[in-house]
Amino acid sequence: MSRSHALRRLAADLSTEHPGCRAHAEYDTSYREWTLAWTDGPTDDTVRERLPVGEAIDLRRSYTHRALAVAAIELSLSGDLGKVGRRDRWTLQNALTVHLAARTDPHATDGRTGALADALLDHLGQQHPDPSEIAAAARGGVAHLLRQPSADAAGEGDGDPLVMGPAEYLTSRYAKGQAALDWRDRLATAPAAELVAELVAATADEHLDAAGHLAVLALLGQMRADLDRLEDAALTRAHAAGASWARIGAVLGITKQSAHTRAKRRASGRPTRSSPQS
């Protein structure tokens, strides 16, 4: 098989194997060199392994706007985009391409990251935004791309990755200082102690709407479930370490019989309310 046929066959295979990947092989008569170029798809190393043995080919991988937006979102959420010292065009663009270098089919990312990437591109409102513009937009924070939960009784918006969860909504509304910056930049919810303070603030907020009050109830339910699991583990380990049921009951503010009963009910998967209720 000739070199030209082998390279064009490889380009066709890459386009078939990786949906959305556009690959082509071209020969530069001036430099007498072949170039294999493709968009998104496999990594350079993966393509290099499939080249004809001994062939020196110029490999050029580029990225779609969707893939670049995915990189911008991931770097923003990890906090790494904010660490980019210089904000010039090439530095920002390089941060995205370096992040994507080891990723296969980065444009195909779904879930919240994918939804945020799409929302970021929609926010830019340009048909062909510059990679540095994509990075700069994400560097300024991505919290504004999310939507507050609905108070619809039918659960409108359930399953939408762009709708804030209870802790996120309360953080967005009440967080201050560093917690507010962490939310804006990285979608980091407030620490547990601050969330409790936000719950207190929310319940006293006369202007909080129905969606906000539902977020309070949902977060309380989540926190109660987390406390139940934590108490279950602590109770089991305390007894395994030698603590008597009488001593465990005294710490929980219940009788030793109730403490033993609670442990058995938890072990069987039956619901048990947190202390001091049995």
Foldseek 3Di string as FASTA:
>chain_A
DDLQVLLQVLQVVQCVVFPPKHWGWDADPVVRAIEIEIEQAAAPVVVVVSHDPPHDHHYYYHYDLLLLLLLLLVCQQVVNLLVQDDLDQVSLLVSSCVSCRHPGNSSPDDALSSLLSVLLVVVVVDPDDRSSVSNVSLSQFRLVSADEFDLDPVRPPPPPRRYDALQLNLQCVDPDDPSNVSCRRNVDGDPPVVSVVSLVVLVVDPPDDSSNVVSSVVVVVVVQVVVVVVVLVVLVVCVVVPDQLQRVLVVLVHHSVVSVVVNVCVVVVHDDGGGPGD
